[in-house]
Amino acid sequence: MSTRQAGGGSRFLFDSFDAAAARIEANERVAEERWAALDYRLELIDVALERLEKRIWLGVSGVAVFLLTQMAEALLAAAVK
């Protein structure tokens, strides 16, 4: 009398394990995660650069307004004399 049933047992006892395929699959998953992290960090850098660009333009326009105000004040002072 056989104690083993037909079709029973662990599939791991009978299926071969392909280590190379598992290693390749694991490396692909790691590479995908690294690309996702890189995309995330690049997006953060892009947002920071946009904010910096806005601040720079605000500073440039502030200096331009200051210079125009000084020039207008000088012209008014010359016109009053």
Protein backbone atom coordinates (compact mmCIF):
# COMPACT_ATOMS: atom_id res chain seq x y z
CA MET A 1 0.00 0.00 0.00
CA SER A 2 1.42 3.37 -1.07
CA THR A 3 1.19 6.26 1.37
CA ARG A 4 1.76 8.81 -1.41
CA GLN A 5 -1.36 9.94 -3.22
CA ALA A 6 -1.31 10.53 -6.95
CA GLY A 7 -0.71 14.20 -7.69
CA GLY A 8 0.01 14.99 -4.04
CA GLY A 9 3.12 16.32 -2.42
CA SER A 10 5.03 19.50 -2.75
CA ARG A 11 5.61 20.94 -6.17
CA PHE A 12 9.03 22.09 -4.97
CA LEU A 13 10.16 18.47 -4.71
CA PHE A 14 9.47 17.82 -8.37
CA ASP A 15 9.86 21.18 -10.16
CA SER A 16 13.37 22.28 -10.88
CA PHE A 17 14.42 25.67 -9.60
CA ASP A 18 15.98 27.91 -12.22
CA ALA A 19 18.38 30.05 -10.20
CA ALA A 20 19.53 32.09 -13.19
CA ALA A 21 15.98 33.10 -14.11
CA ALA A 22 15.19 33.99 -10.50
CA ARG A 23 18.36 36.08 -10.26
CA ILE A 24 17.54 37.91 -13.51
CA GLU A 25 13.98 38.56 -12.34
CA ALA A 26 15.23 39.90 -9.00
CA ASN A 27 17.73 42.17 -10.75
CA GLU A 28 14.99 43.48 -13.04
CA ARG A 29 12.79 44.29 -10.04
CA VAL A 30 15.68 46.08 -8.34
CA ALA A 31 16.42 48.04 -11.52
CA GLU A 32 12.75 49.06 -11.82
CA GLU A 33 12.73 50.28 -8.21
CA ARG A 34 15.94 52.23 -8.78
CA TRP A 35 14.48 53.89 -11.89
CA ALA A 36 11.33 54.78 -9.96
CA ALA A 37 13.42 56.32 -7.16
CA LEU A 38 15.53 58.20 -9.70
CA ASP A 39 12.41 59.56 -11.42
CA TYR A 40 11.06 60.68 -8.06
CA ARG A 41 14.29 62.47 -7.14
CA LEU A 42 14.55 64.10 -10.56
CA GLU A 43 10.99 65.37 -10.21
CA LEU A 44 11.89 66.91 -6.84
CA ILE A 45 14.96 68.55 -8.38
CA ASP A 46 12.85 69.88 -11.25
CA VAL A 47 10.35 71.43 -8.82
CA ALA A 48 13.17 73.00 -6.80
CA LEU A 49 14.73 74.47 -9.95
CA GLU A 50 11.39 75.97 -11.00
CA ARG A 51 11.02 77.59 -7.57
CA LEU A 52 14.58 78.93 -7.77
CA GLU A 53 13.92 80.34 -11.23
CA LYS A 54 10.83 82.16 -9.96
CA ARG A 55 12.83 83.62 -7.07
CA ILE A 56 15.60 84.78 -9.40
CA TRP A 57 13.13 86.47 -11.74
CA LEU A 58 11.46 88.12 -8.74
CA GLY A 59 14.84 89.49 -7.65
CA VAL A 60 15.72 90.70 -11.16
CA SER A 61 12.38 92.43 -11.57
CA GLY A 62 12.73 93.99 -8.10
CA VAL A 63 16.12 95.46 -9.03
CA ALA A 64 14.70 96.73 -12.34
CA VAL A 65 11.79 98.42 -10.55
CA PHE A 66 14.19 99.99 -8.05
CA LEU A 67 16.40 101.36 -10.84
CA LEU A 68 13.41 102.72 -12.76
CA THR A 69 12.12 104.40 -9.60
CA GLN A 70 15.52 106.02 -8.99
CA MET A 71 15.65 107.21 -12.59
CA ALA A 72 12.13 108.67 -12.38
CA GLU A 73 13.00 110.39 -9.11
CA ALA A 74 16.13 111.89 -10.68
CA LEU A 75 14.15 113.14 -13.69
CA LEU A 76 11.50 114.72 -11.45
CA ALA A 77 14.17 116.38 -9.34
CA ALA A 78 15.84 117.78 -12.49
CA ALA A 79 12.50 119.00 -13.85
CA VAL A 80 11.62 120.83 -10.63
CA LYS A 81 14.93 122.78 -10.55
